[in-house]
Amino acid sequence: QVQLVESGGGLVQPGGSLRLSCAASRSIFSIYNMGWYRQAPGKQRELVARFTSGGSTNYADSVKGRFTISRDNAKNTVYLQMNSLKPEDTAVYYCSAARPGYSVYWGQGTQVIVSS
């Protein structure tokens, strides 16, 4: 079993920045692909950014050049640095841990609101 705990959400003005954190309960980065997803009201959950099994990264087109996913293996923590935030980035952001053939683990989510 893996627990994922997100933090760092909040209210920010358009153009501002936030850094989300996701702490895993144990060391899993070598076997799980970590990622960030988001879900806006009335919309489906969508991929924001993730690490692939090869260690590279994927980003949604809507966040490329603005968001950066990173990780600290020693702290079992994944980050999402979000810059140049827009109102359409408003959503609940979820951390995920995925492994082929296994159930996906999700965090409880952290709310991000981009508004003036």
C-alpha atoms as a PDB file:
ATOM      1  CA  GLN A   1       0.000   0.000   0.000  1.00  0.00           C
ATOM      2  CA  VAL A   2       1.153   3.512  -0.825  1.00  0.00           C
ATOM      3  CA  GLN A   3      -0.128   6.773   0.619  1.00  0.00           C
ATOM      4  CA  LEU A   4       0.306   9.977  -1.330  1.00  0.00           C
ATOM      5  CA  VAL A   5      -0.172  13.330   0.366  1.00  0.00           C
ATOM      6  CA  GLU A   6      -0.347  16.520  -1.677  1.00  0.00           C
ATOM      7  CA  SER A   7       0.221  20.027  -0.397  1.00  0.00           C
ATOM      8  CA  GLY A   8       0.905  23.519  -1.701  1.00  0.00           C
ATOM      9  CA  GLY A   9      -2.385  24.461  -3.281  1.00  0.00           C
ATOM     10  CA  GLY A  10      -4.122  27.748  -2.689  1.00  0.00           C
ATOM     11  CA  LEU A  11      -5.390  30.968  -4.183  1.00  0.00           C
ATOM     12  CA  VAL A  12      -3.087  32.831  -6.560  1.00  0.00           C
ATOM     13  CA  GLN A  13      -3.522  35.707  -8.970  1.00  0.00           C
ATOM     14  CA  PRO A  14      -3.189  35.203 -12.712  1.00  0.00           C
ATOM     15  CA  GLY A  15       0.472  35.236 -13.683  1.00  0.00           C
ATOM     16  CA  GLY A  16       1.516  33.961 -10.283  1.00  0.00           C
ATOM     17  CA  SER A  17       3.282  30.772  -9.248  1.00  0.00           C
ATOM     18  CA  LEU A  18       2.695  27.841  -6.938  1.00  0.00           C
ATOM     19  CA  ARG A  19       4.667  24.725  -6.140  1.00  0.00           C
ATOM     20  CA  LEU A  20       2.754  21.568  -5.315  1.00  0.00           C
ATOM     21  CA  SER A  21       4.341  18.734  -3.371  1.00  0.00           C
ATOM     22  CA  CYS A  22       3.418  15.064  -3.190  1.00  0.00           C
ATOM     23  CA  ALA A  23       4.979  12.987  -0.442  1.00  0.00           C
ATOM     24  CA  ALA A  24       4.896   9.209  -0.811  1.00  0.00           C
ATOM     25  CA  SER A  25       4.754   7.001   2.268  1.00  0.00           C
ATOM     26  CA  ARG A  26       7.687   4.916   1.083  1.00  0.00           C
ATOM     27  CA  SER A  27      10.318   4.733  -1.615  1.00  0.00           C
ATOM     28  CA  ILE A  28       8.500   3.857  -4.825  1.00  0.00           C
ATOM     29  CA  PHE A  29       9.965   6.014  -7.561  1.00  0.00           C
ATOM     30  CA  SER A  30      12.069   3.190  -8.960  1.00  0.00           C
ATOM     31  CA  ILE A  31       9.009   1.052  -9.699  1.00  0.00           C
ATOM     32  CA  TYR A  32       6.134   3.544 -10.004  1.00  0.00           C
ATOM     33  CA  ASN A  33       5.703   6.300 -12.566  1.00  0.00           C
ATOM     34  CA  MET A  34       4.711   9.439 -10.741  1.00  0.00           C
ATOM     35  CA  GLY A  35       2.453  12.075 -12.192  1.00  0.00           C
ATOM     36  CA  TRP A  36       0.138  14.996 -11.644  1.00  0.00           C
ATOM     37  CA  TYR A  37      -3.434  15.176 -12.862  1.00  0.00           C
ATOM     38  CA  ARG A  38      -6.133  17.779 -12.386  1.00  0.00           C
ATOM     39  CA  GLN A  39      -9.896  17.965 -12.430  1.00  0.00           C
ATOM     40  CA  ALA A  40     -11.826  21.155 -12.941  1.00  0.00           C
ATOM     41  CA  PRO A  41     -15.509  21.437 -11.960  1.00  0.00           C
ATOM     42  CA  GLY A  42     -17.697  19.620 -14.445  1.00  0.00           C
ATOM     43  CA  LYS A  43     -14.732  18.198 -16.342  1.00  0.00           C
ATOM     44  CA  GLN A  44     -12.919  14.901 -16.467  1.00  0.00           C
ATOM     45  CA  ARG A  45      -9.626  14.348 -14.740  1.00  0.00           C
ATOM     46  CA  GLU A  46      -6.764  15.084 -17.106  1.00  0.00           C
ATOM     47  CA  LEU A  47      -3.039  14.530 -17.208  1.00  0.00           C
ATOM     48  CA  VAL A  48      -0.894  17.534 -16.335  1.00  0.00           C
ATOM     49  CA  ALA A  49       2.603  16.061 -16.186  1.00  0.00           C
ATOM     50  CA  ARG A  50       4.230  12.734 -15.467  1.00  0.00           C
ATOM     51  CA  PHE A  51       7.449  10.775 -15.464  1.00  0.00           C
ATOM     52  CA  THR A  52       7.670   7.865 -17.861  1.00  0.00           C
ATOM     53  CA  SER A  53       9.253   4.509 -17.105  1.00  0.00           C
ATOM     54  CA  GLY A  54      12.344   5.689 -18.968  1.00  0.00           C
ATOM     55  CA  GLY A  55      12.691   8.691 -16.721  1.00  0.00           C
ATOM     56  CA  SER A  56      11.598  11.265 -19.263  1.00  0.00           C
ATOM     57  CA  THR A  57       8.617  13.576 -18.790  1.00  0.00           C
ATOM     58  CA  ASN A  58       5.316  14.211 -20.523  1.00  0.00           C
ATOM     59  CA  TYR A  59       3.293  17.416 -20.274  1.00  0.00           C
ATOM     60  CA  ALA A  60      -0.154  18.408 -21.375  1.00  0.00           C
ATOM     61  CA  ASP A  61       0.049  20.895 -24.223  1.00  0.00           C
ATOM     62  CA  SER A  62      -1.811  23.451 -22.139  1.00  0.00           C
ATOM     63  CA  VAL A  63       0.967  23.585 -19.518  1.00  0.00           C
ATOM     64  CA  LYS A  64       4.112  23.112 -21.597  1.00  0.00           C
ATOM     65  CA  GLY A  65       6.635  25.823 -20.887  1.00  0.00           C
ATOM     66  CA  ARG A  66       4.831  26.884 -17.707  1.00  0.00           C
ATOM     67  CA  PHE A  67       4.809  23.797 -15.460  1.00  0.00           C
ATOM     68  CA  THR A  68       7.718  21.587 -14.438  1.00  0.00           C
ATOM     69  CA  ILE A  69       7.558  18.208 -12.739  1.00  0.00           C
ATOM     70  CA  SER A  70      10.505  17.145 -10.612  1.00  0.00           C
ATOM     71  CA  ARG A  71      11.296  14.731  -7.808  1.00  0.00           C
ATOM     72  CA  ASP A  72      13.525  14.289  -4.820  1.00  0.00           C
ATOM     73  CA  ASN A  73      14.215  10.591  -4.401  1.00  0.00           C
ATOM     74  CA  ALA A  74      15.739  11.046  -0.952  1.00  0.00           C
ATOM     75  CA  LYS A  75      12.532  12.693   0.283  1.00  0.00           C
ATOM     76  CA  ASN A  76      10.141  10.419  -1.674  1.00  0.00           C
ATOM     77  CA  THR A  77       8.559  13.630  -2.933  1.00  0.00           C
ATOM     78  CA  VAL A  78       7.381  14.777  -6.342  1.00  0.00           C
ATOM     79  CA  TYR A  79       6.880  18.438  -7.149  1.00  0.00           C
ATOM     80  CA  LEU A  80       4.925  20.431  -9.673  1.00  0.00           C
ATOM     81  CA  GLN A  81       6.224  23.941 -10.188  1.00  0.00           C
ATOM     82  CA  MET A  82       3.506  26.028 -11.804  1.00  0.00           C
ATOM     83  CA  ASN A  83       4.387  29.416 -13.284  1.00  0.00           C
ATOM     84  CA  SER A  84       2.414  31.955 -15.281  1.00  0.00           C
ATOM     85  CA  LEU A  85      -0.799  30.563 -13.889  1.00  0.00           C
ATOM     86  CA  LYS A  86      -4.053  31.211 -15.726  1.00  0.00           C
ATOM     87  CA  PRO A  87      -7.672  31.098 -14.533  1.00  0.00           C
ATOM     88  CA  GLU A  88      -8.149  27.946 -16.616  1.00  0.00           C
ATOM     89  CA  ASP A  89      -5.558  26.198 -14.426  1.00  0.00           C
ATOM     90  CA  THR A  90      -8.090  26.295 -11.591  1.00  0.00           C
ATOM     91  CA  ALA A  91      -8.738  22.705 -10.522  1.00  0.00           C
ATOM     92  CA  VAL A  92      -8.115  20.092  -7.887  1.00  0.00           C
ATOM     93  CA  TYR A  93      -4.649  18.677  -8.508  1.00  0.00           C
ATOM     94  CA  TYR A  94      -3.965  15.032  -7.772  1.00  0.00           C
ATOM     95  CA  CYS A  95      -0.724  13.142  -7.429  1.00  0.00           C
ATOM     96  CA  SER A  96      -0.611   9.643  -8.882  1.00  0.00           C
ATOM     97  CA  ALA A  97       1.619   6.588  -8.746  1.00  0.00           C
ATOM     98  CA  ALA A  98       1.184   4.145 -11.606  1.00  0.00           C
ATOM     99  CA  ARG A  99       2.703   0.776 -12.366  1.00  0.00           C
ATOM    100  CA  PRO A 100       1.734  -1.501 -15.291  1.00  0.00           C
ATOM    101  CA  GLY A 101      -0.570  -4.284 -14.131  1.00  0.00           C
ATOM    102  CA  TYR A 102      -1.268  -2.646 -10.793  1.00  0.00           C
ATOM    103  CA  SER A 103      -3.910  -0.267  -9.493  1.00  0.00           C
ATOM    104  CA  VAL A 104      -3.098   3.420  -9.616  1.00  0.00           C
ATOM    105  CA  TYR A 105      -2.582   5.159  -6.305  1.00  0.00           C
ATOM    106  CA  TRP A 106      -4.059   8.647  -5.891  1.00  0.00           C
ATOM    107  CA  GLY A 107      -3.602  11.360  -3.348  1.00  0.00           C
ATOM    108  CA  GLN A 108      -6.499  13.234  -1.784  1.00  0.00           C
ATOM    109  CA  GLY A 109      -5.992  16.266  -4.025  1.00  0.00           C
ATOM    110  CA  THR A 110      -5.102  19.884  -3.418  1.00  0.00           C
ATOM    111  CA  GLN A 111      -7.177  22.818  -4.637  1.00  0.00           C
ATOM    112  CA  VAL A 112      -5.635  25.460  -6.883  1.00  0.00           C
ATOM    113  CA  ILE A 113      -7.635  28.601  -7.606  1.00  0.00           C
ATOM    114  CA  VAL A 114      -6.307  31.189 -10.025  1.00  0.00           C
ATOM    115  CA  SER A 115      -8.302  34.369  -9.714  1.00  0.00           C
ATOM    116  CA  SER A 116      -7.882  38.079  -9.309  1.00  0.00           C
END
